[in-house]
Amino acid sequence: MKMKRLFVVFSTVLVLVMVMLYSSIPRVSAQSLHASPASIEIGPDHRIKVSFSGASGAVDDAIGLYNSSTQKRITYQWLKGQKSGSIEFGAPQEPGTYEFQMWIQNWKSKAATSNKVVIKWGEVLLSQPLTIHTIAPSKKVQVTFKNAPGYRDDAIDLYDVQSGKKITYQHILGKKNGTLQFTIPETPGSYEFQLWGNNWRKHLATSTTFEVKWGSVGLQVRIGDADAQGKRKIRIEFTGAPGYRDDTIGLFKTGTTTKLKYQFLNGMKDGSIEIGGIDENESIEVQLWGNNWKQLLAKTQAFLPKNGPPPPVDKEPSKQVEGQVVIVLTIGIKNAYVNNQLVVLDVPPFINSGRTFVPFRFTGESLGADVGFTKNASGRVDTVTYELDAIFITLYIGKREATVNGKTVYLDVAPQIVQGRTVIPLRFVTEALGCKVDWDGVKMQVTIEYPA
């Protein structure tokens, strides 16, 4: 019984001693480390706040900023005896995942690690409103940017897409959102804008591609009466010139670079000029050049002034199709044009019974067909044939039947002999060969395109 009392007394004393000892030990706060924001976009003067507790209180406790992947320390700050509080770090300017680590007593042991902080370039938007720009003096294109990093040397560059060459650039000067204007290049091609951050350190955005090209140009020629020396005055009406002071309209000797006469347009985009003293028997063509002979924008078909003017030009140079044959014929006129080259016909096209007739050999050879014929016993032409790309056509003079690859078909009108030349119904033959045929009733003009 005495031993039991003694044990109780001893246990009570031991508990009291332990309580006294525990109360005399300095309290240490729980160790924690937290960084905010947890995600931050790269930019000048961006800061990260780090809250900490549970440091030892030594002057050489420290918090370091580390790359989470490599565990390389980027920078650090001493806590100078603080056990808890907050400090700020400049955000890294390299994308990646980072963390903060608290170390006590001059890097003896790591006390805490913070949450991860993701550093990244922001999502930048770059746009310009049009997909096609036509060349003109000092013409501007506008480009809009949003959410640039904000460095003074962030820049927007204008690039030639095909060559990858930088044409020019402008610094954004610290703006995050805004609009810049660039002068449109004077060389046709595909272009785009690119936004680069922090002195071309990072490519952040690319605009949609846009085309730069010379615009659509129109030419129409009117010819005056001949004077006593056989000279004529030509009036040229033009539309769509670029607007440079030294845009030029010239008269050229057909098939050469020889300028017979020319006039500068002095910045006019639409208007007319007159050029006199033109030999009515000289084969010429009218050409419109942009920006001091830099670019041929349009030219008429070759023509002889005494035979009348060429068909009007209303075209966009970029729409010309390589390898295509284009034939232009005018009812009652011997001047025909094959890919803008003058051909003088023996017999002009004409209309009979509501159908257009054209010279047989000229049409076939211009399209690239092999042409043939047979004669009857009296020596007159009996049949004519075309062969082009596996299509074989036979027509019978004076008969309204024909064969296409051996199959008989019937025509509205029969081929004829006129002035010793074979003429054939235009639409049937050209469409059977796979051509596109257009009729302009105002100009009385037929245009044949092959392939369609």
Protein backbone atom coordinates (compact mmCIF):
# COMPACT_ATOMS: atom_id res chain seq x y z
CA MET A 1 0.00 0.00 0.00
CA LYS A 2 2.88 2.30 0.92
CA MET A 3 4.57 1.48 -2.41
CA LYS A 4 1.42 2.38 -4.30
CA ARG A 5 1.20 5.79 -2.62
CA LEU A 6 4.84 6.40 -3.34
CA PHE A 7 4.30 5.61 -7.08
CA VAL A 8 1.34 8.01 -7.30
CA VAL A 9 3.34 10.81 -5.65
CA PHE A 10 6.31 10.19 -7.98
CA SER A 11 4.09 10.19 -11.09
CA THR A 12 2.42 13.44 -10.07
CA VAL A 13 5.76 15.16 -9.48
CA LEU A 14 7.08 13.91 -12.85
CA VAL A 15 4.06 15.33 -14.70
CA LEU A 16 4.48 18.71 -12.99
CA VAL A 17 8.17 18.83 -13.91
CA MET A 18 7.42 18.00 -17.60
CA VAL A 19 4.77 20.71 -17.76
CA MET A 20 7.18 23.26 -16.34
CA LEU A 21 9.90 22.22 -18.78
CA TYR A 22 7.53 22.41 -21.82
CA SER A 23 6.34 25.84 -20.84
CA SER A 24 9.91 27.09 -20.66
CA ILE A 25 10.78 25.98 -24.31
CA PRO A 26 10.47 28.82 -26.94
CA ARG A 27 7.48 28.33 -29.26
CA VAL A 28 8.29 27.88 -33.06
CA SER A 29 5.67 28.80 -35.66
CA ALA A 30 4.65 26.23 -38.29
CA GLN A 31 6.88 26.50 -41.36
CA SER A 32 5.08 27.57 -44.57
CA LEU A 33 5.86 29.29 -47.85
CA HIS A 34 3.34 30.57 -50.41
CA ALA A 35 3.85 32.47 -53.70
CA SER A 36 1.27 34.48 -55.62
CA PRO A 37 0.20 34.77 -58.31
CA ALA A 38 0.67 31.14 -59.27
CA SER A 39 0.66 32.06 -62.98
CA ILE A 40 2.13 35.23 -64.45
CA GLU A 41 2.74 36.53 -67.97
CA ILE A 42 6.19 37.77 -68.93
CA GLY A 43 6.53 41.52 -68.92
CA PRO A 44 8.55 44.39 -67.44
CA ASP A 45 8.40 44.93 -63.64
CA HIS A 46 6.09 41.99 -62.91
CA ARG A 47 6.36 40.96 -59.23
CA ILE A 48 5.73 37.80 -57.18
CA LYS A 49 4.75 38.07 -53.49
CA VAL A 50 6.10 35.36 -51.19
CA SER A 51 4.54 34.88 -47.73
CA PHE A 52 6.51 32.87 -45.17
CA SER A 53 6.38 31.68 -41.56
CA GLY A 54 8.40 29.37 -39.33
CA ALA A 55 11.86 30.78 -40.05
CA SER A 56 14.39 30.30 -37.25
CA GLY A 57 15.01 34.01 -36.73
CA ALA A 58 18.66 33.83 -37.71
CA VAL A 59 19.90 36.78 -39.77
CA ASP A 60 21.10 34.41 -42.49
CA ASP A 61 17.83 32.59 -43.04
CA ALA A 62 16.99 33.04 -46.75
CA ILE A 63 14.35 32.47 -49.40
CA GLY A 64 15.57 31.51 -52.87
CA LEU A 65 13.86 31.44 -56.26
CA TYR A 66 14.49 28.14 -58.10
CA ASN A 67 13.79 26.65 -61.50
CA SER A 68 11.62 23.66 -60.60
CA SER A 69 12.95 21.47 -63.39
CA THR A 70 16.67 22.03 -62.94
CA GLN A 71 16.63 23.12 -59.26
CA LYS A 72 18.96 25.91 -60.26
CA ARG A 73 18.76 28.90 -57.93
CA ILE A 74 17.95 32.08 -59.85
CA THR A 75 18.16 34.63 -57.02
CA TYR A 76 17.54 34.93 -53.26
CA GLN A 77 16.88 37.33 -50.38
CA TRP A 78 18.04 37.22 -46.73
CA LEU A 79 15.25 37.32 -44.10
CA LYS A 80 17.38 39.37 -41.68
CA GLY A 81 15.96 37.76 -38.56
CA GLN A 82 12.30 37.77 -39.57
CA LYS A 83 10.42 34.62 -38.57
CA SER A 84 7.33 35.41 -40.67
CA GLY A 85 6.18 38.01 -43.14
CA SER A 86 6.27 38.59 -46.89
CA ILE A 87 8.79 39.72 -49.47
CA GLU A 88 8.62 40.43 -53.21
CA PHE A 89 10.69 39.07 -56.06
CA GLY A 90 10.90 40.30 -59.68
CA ALA A 91 9.26 37.70 -61.89
CA PRO A 92 11.62 35.75 -64.17
CA GLN A 93 11.59 36.74 -67.84
CA GLU A 94 12.14 33.23 -69.12
CA PRO A 95 9.14 30.90 -69.50
CA GLY A 96 9.08 27.89 -67.18
CA THR A 97 7.92 26.54 -63.83
CA TYR A 98 9.48 28.01 -60.69
CA GLU A 99 9.29 27.58 -56.89
CA PHE A 100 10.58 29.29 -53.75
CA GLN A 101 12.56 27.51 -51.03
CA MET A 102 13.17 28.71 -47.46
CA TRP A 103 16.54 27.81 -45.95
CA ILE A 104 17.70 28.41 -42.39
CA GLN A 105 21.04 29.43 -40.95
CA ASN A 106 23.02 30.13 -44.12
CA TRP A 107 21.67 27.28 -46.28
CA LYS A 108 22.19 24.57 -43.64
CA SER A 109 18.77 22.99 -44.16
CA LYS A 110 15.68 23.54 -46.27
CA ALA A 111 12.69 24.43 -44.15
CA ALA A 112 9.90 24.79 -46.73
CA THR A 113 9.06 24.80 -50.44
CA SER A 114 6.36 26.97 -51.98
CA ASN A 115 3.71 26.16 -54.53
CA LYS A 116 4.74 26.14 -58.19
CA VAL A 117 4.68 29.41 -60.18
CA VAL A 118 4.23 29.21 -63.96
CA ILE A 119 5.90 31.93 -66.05
CA LYS A 120 4.77 32.22 -69.65
CA TRP A 121 4.42 34.60 -72.55
CA GLY A 122 0.90 35.97 -72.84
CA GLU A 123 -1.50 35.24 -75.67
CA VAL A 124 -1.03 38.12 -78.11
CA LEU A 125 -3.46 39.03 -80.88
CA LEU A 126 -2.36 40.66 -84.14
CA SER A 127 -4.77 41.54 -86.93
CA GLN A 128 -5.16 43.63 -90.07
CA PRO A 129 -8.55 44.04 -91.75
CA LEU A 130 -8.02 43.29 -95.47
CA THR A 131 -6.72 40.32 -97.44
CA ILE A 132 -5.91 42.28 -100.63
CA HIS A 133 -4.24 45.68 -100.96
CA THR A 134 -3.63 47.42 -104.28
CA ILE A 135 -0.42 49.33 -104.88
CA ALA A 136 -0.66 53.12 -104.76
CA PRO A 137 1.63 55.95 -103.61
CA SER A 138 2.02 56.13 -99.80
CA LYS A 139 -0.95 53.82 -99.23
CA LYS A 140 -1.24 52.58 -95.65
CA VAL A 141 -2.23 49.31 -94.01
CA GLN A 142 -3.37 49.28 -90.39
CA VAL A 143 -2.38 46.54 -87.94
CA THR A 144 -3.94 46.15 -84.48
CA PHE A 145 -2.29 44.43 -81.50
CA LYS A 146 -3.64 43.28 -78.13
CA ASN A 147 -1.88 42.03 -74.98
CA ALA A 148 1.70 42.75 -76.01
CA PRO A 149 4.17 42.21 -73.11
CA GLY A 150 4.71 45.94 -72.57
CA TYR A 151 8.46 46.30 -73.17
CA ARG A 152 9.56 49.48 -74.93
CA ASP A 153 11.32 47.43 -77.57
CA ASP A 154 8.45 45.06 -78.35
CA ALA A 155 8.17 45.36 -82.14
CA ILE A 156 5.88 44.62 -85.06
CA ASP A 157 7.67 43.54 -88.24
CA LEU A 158 6.40 43.44 -91.83
CA TYR A 159 7.59 40.31 -93.65
CA ASP A 160 7.63 39.10 -97.24
CA VAL A 161 6.09 35.63 -96.88
CA GLN A 162 7.82 34.02 -99.86
CA SER A 163 11.36 35.10 -99.04
CA GLY A 164 10.95 35.34 -95.25
CA LYS A 165 12.68 38.71 -95.44
CA LYS A 166 11.83 41.46 -92.97
CA ILE A 167 10.81 44.55 -94.92
CA THR A 168 10.47 47.07 -92.07
CA TYR A 169 9.41 47.30 -88.43
CA GLN A 170 8.10 49.63 -85.71
CA HIS A 171 8.63 49.51 -81.93
CA ILE A 172 5.47 49.50 -79.81
CA LEU A 173 7.13 51.66 -77.08
CA GLY A 174 5.67 49.87 -74.07
CA LYS A 175 2.04 49.79 -75.19
CA LYS A 176 0.07 46.62 -74.56
CA ASN A 177 -2.80 47.43 -76.90
CA GLY A 178 -2.99 49.72 -79.90
CA THR A 179 -2.77 50.24 -83.65
CA LEU A 180 0.11 50.99 -86.01
CA GLN A 181 0.13 52.03 -89.67
CA PHE A 182 2.63 50.77 -92.24
CA THR A 183 3.17 51.91 -95.82
CA ILE A 184 2.11 49.15 -98.19
CA PRO A 185 5.03 47.62 -100.16
CA GLU A 186 5.24 48.58 -103.83
CA THR A 187 6.24 45.09 -104.91
CA PRO A 188 3.46 42.53 -105.56
CA GLY A 189 3.50 39.51 -103.27
CA SER A 190 2.24 37.95 -100.04
CA TYR A 191 2.97 39.70 -96.76
CA GLU A 192 2.28 39.30 -93.04
CA PHE A 193 2.93 41.07 -89.75
CA GLN A 194 4.76 39.46 -86.81
CA LEU A 195 4.88 40.72 -83.23
CA TRP A 196 8.09 40.10 -81.26
CA GLY A 197 8.59 40.61 -77.55
CA ASN A 198 11.48 42.26 -75.70
CA ASN A 199 13.94 43.19 -78.46
CA TRP A 200 13.10 40.24 -80.79
CA ARG A 201 13.58 37.78 -77.96
CA LYS A 202 10.31 35.93 -78.58
CA HIS A 203 7.99 35.64 -81.58
CA LEU A 204 4.51 36.08 -80.11
CA ALA A 205 1.98 36.44 -82.93
CA THR A 206 1.52 36.46 -86.71
CA SER A 207 -1.25 38.22 -88.60
CA THR A 208 -3.24 36.72 -91.45
CA THR A 209 -1.45 36.86 -94.79
CA PHE A 210 -2.45 39.64 -97.16
CA GLU A 211 -1.78 40.12 -100.87
CA VAL A 212 -0.29 43.23 -102.43
CA LYS A 213 -0.87 43.63 -106.14
CA TRP A 214 -1.38 46.13 -108.87
CA GLY A 215 -5.04 47.00 -109.31
CA SER A 216 -7.40 46.39 -112.20
CA VAL A 217 -6.77 48.75 -115.11
CA GLY A 218 -8.99 49.70 -118.04
CA LEU A 219 -7.98 51.09 -121.46
CA GLN A 220 -10.16 52.13 -124.37
CA VAL A 221 -8.82 53.56 -127.62
CA ARG A 222 -10.69 55.89 -129.97
CA ILE A 223 -9.19 56.78 -133.36
CA GLY A 224 -9.69 60.02 -135.26
CA ASP A 225 -9.80 60.55 -139.02
CA ALA A 226 -6.60 60.56 -141.05
CA ASP A 227 -5.13 63.87 -142.12
CA ALA A 228 -3.60 64.57 -145.54
CA GLN A 229 -0.36 62.80 -144.57
CA GLY A 230 -2.16 59.68 -143.31
CA LYS A 231 -1.59 60.62 -139.67
CA ARG A 232 -4.22 60.05 -137.01
CA LYS A 233 -4.99 61.28 -133.51
CA ILE A 234 -5.61 58.64 -130.86
CA ARG A 235 -7.66 59.30 -127.75
CA ILE A 236 -6.97 56.90 -124.87
CA GLU A 237 -9.39 56.64 -121.94
CA PHE A 238 -7.99 54.95 -118.82
CA THR A 239 -9.29 53.81 -115.45
CA GLY A 240 -7.61 52.34 -112.37
CA ALA A 241 -4.11 53.79 -112.76
CA PRO A 242 -2.20 53.59 -109.44
CA GLY A 243 -1.94 57.37 -109.01
CA TYR A 244 1.81 57.99 -109.22
CA ARG A 245 2.85 61.21 -110.95
CA ASP A 246 4.97 59.22 -113.37
CA ASP A 247 2.43 56.57 -114.32
CA THR A 248 2.68 56.54 -118.11
CA ILE A 249 0.69 55.64 -121.21
CA GLY A 250 2.86 54.85 -124.21
CA LEU A 251 2.40 53.85 -127.82
CA PHE A 252 4.73 50.98 -128.73
CA LYS A 253 5.66 49.43 -132.02
CA THR A 254 4.05 45.99 -131.99
CA GLY A 255 6.23 43.23 -130.57
CA THR A 256 9.06 45.59 -129.54
CA THR A 257 10.10 47.80 -126.67
CA THR A 258 10.30 50.79 -129.00
CA LYS A 259 8.33 53.72 -127.60
CA LEU A 260 6.78 55.75 -130.39
CA LYS A 261 5.17 58.33 -128.10
CA TYR A 262 4.11 58.56 -124.46
CA GLN A 263 2.59 60.83 -121.81
CA PHE A 264 2.84 60.92 -118.00
CA LEU A 265 -0.50 60.80 -116.18
CA ASN A 266 0.56 63.23 -113.40
CA GLY A 267 -1.20 61.32 -110.62
CA MET A 268 -4.55 60.86 -112.37
CA LYS A 269 -6.23 57.50 -111.72
CA ASP A 270 -9.01 57.92 -114.28
CA GLY A 271 -9.11 60.18 -117.31
CA SER A 272 -8.10 60.47 -120.94
CA ILE A 273 -5.19 61.68 -123.04
CA GLU A 274 -4.71 62.39 -126.72
CA ILE A 275 -1.66 61.53 -128.80
CA GLY A 276 -1.44 62.76 -132.37
CA GLY A 277 0.71 62.21 -135.42
CA ILE A 278 0.30 58.43 -135.54
CA ASP A 279 0.99 56.68 -138.85
CA GLU A 280 -2.24 54.91 -139.77
CA ASN A 281 -0.31 51.98 -141.32
CA GLU A 282 1.94 51.34 -138.29
CA SER A 283 1.03 48.29 -136.18
CA ILE A 284 1.01 49.55 -132.62
CA GLU A 285 -0.23 48.75 -129.13
CA VAL A 286 -1.11 51.03 -126.23
CA GLN A 287 0.50 50.24 -122.87
CA LEU A 288 -0.09 51.65 -119.38
CA TRP A 289 2.89 51.51 -117.00
CA GLY A 290 2.91 52.22 -113.27
CA ASN A 291 5.42 54.19 -111.22
CA ASN A 292 8.06 55.34 -113.71
CA TRP A 293 7.97 52.30 -116.00
CA LYS A 294 8.24 49.95 -113.01
CA GLN A 295 5.34 47.68 -113.95
CA LEU A 296 3.37 47.06 -117.14
CA LEU A 297 -0.23 47.14 -115.94
CA ALA A 298 -2.21 46.72 -119.15
CA LYS A 299 -1.86 46.83 -122.89
CA THR A 300 -4.21 46.71 -125.82
CA GLN A 301 -4.05 44.16 -128.55
CA ALA A 302 -1.96 45.20 -131.53
CA PHE A 303 -3.84 47.19 -134.17
CA LEU A 304 -3.51 49.23 -137.32
CA PRO A 305 -5.10 52.68 -136.82
CA LYS A 306 -6.64 52.61 -140.30
CA ASN A 307 -8.50 49.36 -139.44
CA GLY A 308 -10.09 50.79 -136.32
CA PRO A 309 -9.38 50.55 -132.58
CA PRO A 310 -8.59 47.37 -130.65
CA PRO A 311 -11.10 45.92 -128.19
CA PRO A 312 -11.19 47.70 -124.81
CA VAL A 313 -8.95 46.40 -122.05
CA ASP A 314 -10.55 45.73 -118.67
CA LYS A 315 -8.43 43.28 -116.83
CA GLU A 316 -6.61 42.40 -113.69
CA PRO A 317 -3.04 41.23 -114.52
CA SER A 318 -2.99 38.60 -111.76
CA LYS A 319 -5.91 36.75 -113.36
CA GLN A 320 -4.07 35.84 -116.54
CA VAL A 321 -3.91 32.05 -116.93
CA GLU A 322 -0.64 30.49 -118.00
CA GLY A 323 -0.98 28.22 -121.02
CA GLN A 324 -4.44 29.45 -121.97
CA VAL A 325 -5.25 30.47 -125.54
CA VAL A 326 -7.55 33.46 -125.91
CA ILE A 327 -8.89 34.41 -129.33
CA VAL A 328 -10.82 37.65 -129.90
CA LEU A 329 -12.78 38.18 -133.12
CA THR A 330 -15.00 41.09 -134.15
CA ILE A 331 -17.82 40.69 -136.65
CA GLY A 332 -16.96 42.32 -139.96
CA ILE A 333 -13.35 43.13 -138.91
CA LYS A 334 -10.28 41.33 -140.27
CA ASN A 335 -8.18 42.16 -137.21
CA ALA A 336 -8.19 39.19 -134.85
CA TYR A 337 -6.12 38.67 -131.69
CA VAL A 338 -4.55 35.51 -130.32
CA ASN A 339 -3.18 36.06 -126.81
CA ASN A 340 -3.03 39.80 -127.56
CA GLN A 341 -1.11 39.31 -130.82
CA LEU A 342 -2.61 40.75 -134.00
CA VAL A 343 -3.56 38.39 -136.83
CA VAL A 344 -5.08 39.82 -140.01
CA LEU A 345 -7.65 37.42 -141.49
CA ASP A 346 -8.35 36.78 -145.18
CA VAL A 347 -12.08 36.69 -144.44
CA PRO A 348 -13.66 38.53 -141.47
CA PRO A 349 -16.13 36.75 -139.19
CA PHE A 350 -19.77 37.25 -140.19
CA ILE A 351 -23.26 36.31 -139.11
CA ASN A 352 -25.60 34.31 -141.34
CA SER A 353 -28.95 32.81 -140.35
CA GLY A 354 -28.29 33.92 -136.79
CA ARG A 355 -25.04 31.95 -136.56
CA THR A 356 -21.44 33.25 -136.45
CA PHE A 357 -19.01 31.93 -139.06
CA VAL A 358 -15.23 32.08 -138.65
CA PRO A 359 -12.27 31.02 -140.85
CA PHE A 360 -11.70 27.30 -140.48
CA ARG A 361 -7.89 27.12 -140.59
CA PHE A 362 -7.24 30.21 -138.45
CA THR A 363 -9.51 28.99 -135.65
CA GLY A 364 -8.11 25.48 -135.52
CA GLU A 365 -4.44 26.39 -135.73
CA SER A 366 -4.83 29.15 -133.13
CA LEU A 367 -6.24 26.58 -130.69
CA GLY A 368 -3.37 24.17 -131.43
CA ALA A 369 -5.47 21.63 -133.34
CA ASP A 370 -4.26 19.57 -136.27
CA VAL A 371 -6.32 20.66 -139.28
CA GLY A 372 -7.03 18.76 -142.49
CA PHE A 373 -9.32 18.66 -145.49
CA THR A 374 -10.34 16.52 -148.45
CA LYS A 375 -11.37 17.51 -151.97
CA ASN A 376 -13.96 16.07 -154.27
CA ALA A 377 -13.42 15.02 -157.91
CA SER A 378 -13.81 18.59 -159.16
CA GLY A 379 -11.04 19.80 -156.83
CA ARG A 380 -13.29 21.67 -154.42
CA VAL A 381 -12.99 21.20 -150.67
CA ASP A 382 -15.37 18.48 -149.56
CA THR A 383 -14.62 17.99 -145.83
CA VAL A 384 -12.56 19.71 -143.13
CA THR A 385 -11.25 18.12 -139.96
CA TYR A 386 -9.96 19.11 -136.53
CA GLU A 387 -8.03 16.90 -134.11
CA LEU A 388 -7.29 18.21 -130.63
CA ASP A 389 -6.67 16.29 -127.39
CA ALA A 390 -8.31 13.01 -128.52
CA ILE A 391 -11.28 14.85 -130.10
CA PHE A 392 -11.71 14.34 -133.84
CA ILE A 393 -14.27 16.40 -135.76
CA THR A 394 -15.28 16.12 -139.42
CA LEU A 395 -17.48 18.72 -141.11
CA TYR A 396 -18.96 18.48 -144.62
CA ILE A 397 -19.06 21.59 -146.81
CA GLY A 398 -22.65 22.56 -147.58
CA LYS A 399 -24.10 19.86 -145.30
CA ARG A 400 -25.64 20.22 -141.82
CA GLU A 401 -24.19 17.01 -140.49
CA ALA A 402 -20.84 16.33 -138.86
CA THR A 403 -19.11 13.63 -136.86
CA VAL A 404 -17.47 13.97 -133.43
CA ASN A 405 -15.26 10.96 -132.64
CA GLY A 406 -17.26 8.96 -135.18
CA LYS A 407 -20.67 9.92 -133.85
CA THR A 408 -23.00 11.81 -136.21
CA VAL A 409 -24.36 15.14 -135.00
CA TYR A 410 -26.51 17.73 -136.76
CA LEU A 411 -25.78 21.46 -137.12
CA ASP A 412 -28.09 24.46 -137.40
CA VAL A 413 -26.10 25.75 -140.40
CA ALA A 414 -23.63 24.16 -142.81
CA PRO A 415 -19.97 25.10 -143.40
CA GLN A 416 -19.42 27.28 -146.48
CA ILE A 417 -16.79 28.46 -148.93
CA VAL A 418 -16.52 32.29 -148.99
CA GLN A 419 -14.02 34.16 -151.16
CA GLY A 420 -12.14 30.91 -151.63
CA ARG A 421 -11.84 30.30 -147.89
CA THR A 422 -13.66 27.72 -145.76
CA VAL A 423 -15.75 29.18 -142.94
CA ILE A 424 -17.40 27.13 -140.24
CA PRO A 425 -20.09 27.67 -137.58
CA LEU A 426 -18.13 28.94 -134.59
CA ARG A 427 -20.02 27.79 -131.52
CA PHE A 428 -20.50 24.15 -132.52
CA VAL A 429 -16.86 23.58 -133.35
CA THR A 430 -15.30 25.43 -130.43
CA GLU A 431 -17.63 23.90 -127.86
CA ALA A 432 -17.07 20.43 -129.31
CA LEU A 433 -13.34 21.02 -128.78
CA GLY A 434 -13.89 22.02 -125.15
CA CYS A 435 -13.58 25.80 -125.49
CA LYS A 436 -15.48 28.53 -123.69
CA VAL A 437 -17.19 30.98 -126.04
CA ASP A 438 -18.44 34.42 -124.96
CA TRP A 439 -20.46 36.82 -127.10
CA ASP A 440 -20.60 40.58 -126.55
CA GLY A 441 -23.54 41.92 -128.55
CA VAL A 442 -22.63 45.55 -127.90
CA LYS A 443 -19.10 45.24 -129.25
CA MET A 444 -20.12 42.52 -131.76
CA GLN A 445 -17.21 40.56 -130.43
CA VAL A 446 -16.51 36.85 -129.82
CA THR A 447 -13.98 35.64 -127.23
CA ILE A 448 -12.79 32.02 -127.33
CA GLU A 449 -10.83 30.54 -124.41
CA TYR A 450 -9.04 27.18 -124.49
CA PRO A 451 -8.93 25.37 -122.18
CA ALA A 452 -12.18 26.74 -120.78
